[in-house]
C-alpha atoms as a PDB file:
ATOM      1  CA  MET A   1       4.528   0.439  -9.307  1.00  0.00           C
ATOM      2  CA  ARG A   2       3.519  -2.929  -7.924  1.00  0.00           C
ATOM      3  CA  ILE A   3       2.767  -3.909  -4.337  1.00  0.00           C
ATOM      4  CA  GLY A   4       6.329  -5.049  -3.636  1.00  0.00           C
ATOM      5  CA  GLU A   5       7.767  -1.759  -4.806  1.00  0.00           C
ATOM      6  CA  LEU A   6       5.234   0.172  -2.712  1.00  0.00           C
ATOM      7  CA  ALA A   7       6.079  -1.902   0.345  1.00  0.00           C
ATOM      8  CA  ALA A   8       9.814  -1.404  -0.169  1.00  0.00           C
ATOM      9  CA  LEU A   9       9.391   2.372  -0.429  1.00  0.00           C
ATOM     10  CA  ALA A  10       7.409   2.452   2.798  1.00  0.00           C
ATOM     11  CA  GLY A  11       9.685  -0.005   4.585  1.00  0.00           C
ATOM     12  CA  VAL A  12       6.988  -2.588   5.273  1.00  0.00           C
ATOM     13  CA  SER A  13       6.153  -6.035   3.965  1.00  0.00           C
ATOM     14  CA  THR A  14       3.599  -6.756   1.266  1.00  0.00           C
ATOM     15  CA  ARG A  15       1.631  -8.569   3.931  1.00  0.00           C
ATOM     16  CA  THR A  16       1.290  -5.292   5.864  1.00  0.00           C
ATOM     17  CA  VAL A  17      -0.004  -3.522   2.755  1.00  0.00           C
ATOM     18  CA  ARG A  18      -2.557  -6.290   2.191  1.00  0.00           C
ATOM     19  CA  HIS A  19      -3.575  -6.090   5.862  1.00  0.00           C
ATOM     20  CA  TYR A  20      -4.215  -2.357   5.488  1.00  0.00           C
ATOM     21  CA  HIS A  21      -6.344  -3.109   2.409  1.00  0.00           C
ATOM     22  CA  HIS A  22      -8.337  -5.713   4.317  1.00  0.00           C
ATOM     23  CA  GLN A  23      -8.905  -3.367   7.268  1.00  0.00           C
ATOM     24  CA  GLY A  24      -9.983  -0.523   4.982  1.00  0.00           C
ATOM     25  CA  VAL A  25      -7.116   1.753   6.011  1.00  0.00           C
ATOM     26  CA  LEU A  26      -5.634   1.874   2.511  1.00  0.00           C
ATOM     27  CA  PRO A  27      -7.869   1.785  -0.587  1.00  0.00           C
ATOM     28  CA  GLN A  28      -7.041  -0.931  -3.073  1.00  0.00           C
ATOM     29  CA  PRO A  29      -6.542   0.184  -6.689  1.00  0.00           C
ATOM     30  CA  PRO A  30      -8.394  -1.719  -9.415  1.00  0.00           C
ATOM     31  CA  ARG A  31      -6.617  -4.430 -11.378  1.00  0.00           C
ATOM     32  CA  ARG A  32      -5.132  -3.608 -14.742  1.00  0.00           C
ATOM     33  CA  VAL A  33      -5.629  -5.688 -17.875  1.00  0.00           C
ATOM     34  CA  ASN A  34      -2.460  -7.639 -17.049  1.00  0.00           C
ATOM     35  CA  GLY A  35      -3.926  -8.637 -13.659  1.00  0.00           C
ATOM     36  CA  TYR A  36      -1.656  -6.513 -11.478  1.00  0.00           C
ATOM     37  CA  ARG A  37      -2.670  -3.598  -9.301  1.00  0.00           C
ATOM     38  CA  GLU A  38      -0.790  -0.411 -10.104  1.00  0.00           C
ATOM     39  CA  TYR A  39       0.097   1.833  -7.181  1.00  0.00           C
ATOM     40  CA  GLY A  40       1.174   5.448  -7.473  1.00  0.00           C
ATOM     41  CA  LEU A  41       2.601   8.264  -5.435  1.00  0.00           C
ATOM     42  CA  ARG A  42      -0.752   8.904  -3.742  1.00  0.00           C
ATOM     43  CA  ASP A  43      -0.813   5.329  -2.468  1.00  0.00           C
ATOM     44  CA  THR A  44       2.703   5.730  -1.096  1.00  0.00           C
ATOM     45  CA  LEU A  45       1.673   8.877   0.758  1.00  0.00           C
ATOM     46  CA  ARG A  46      -1.497   7.239   2.083  1.00  0.00           C
ATOM     47  CA  LEU A  47       0.526   4.279   3.356  1.00  0.00           C
ATOM     48  CA  ALA A  48       3.046   6.576   5.053  1.00  0.00           C
ATOM     49  CA  ARG A  49       0.208   8.522   6.668  1.00  0.00           C
ATOM     50  CA  ALA A  50      -1.521   5.345   7.843  1.00  0.00           C
ATOM     51  CA  ARG A  51       1.730   4.101   9.390  1.00  0.00           C
ATOM     52  CA  ARG A  52       2.240   7.434  11.130  1.00  0.00           C
ATOM     53  CA  LEU A  53      -1.317   7.451  12.486  1.00  0.00           C
ATOM     54  CA  THR A  54      -1.078   3.882  13.754  1.00  0.00           C
ATOM     55  CA  GLY A  55       2.174   4.703  15.499  1.00  0.00           C
ATOM     56  CA  THR A  56       4.269   2.170  13.589  1.00  0.00           C
ATOM     57  CA  SER A  57       7.750   3.226  12.635  1.00  0.00           C
END
């Protein structure tokens, strides 16, 4: 899934996901050949955990 799909599943904006990447809270997956980053279920769980730990609902 792409960043927009990940953000929609977690209920945040893509900007929030990028902010977590920049802060080092959420690891950023490598780019694929097509130039996009592919996120998986693990990334969704990590994002949900990071949101829970930061106290954001």
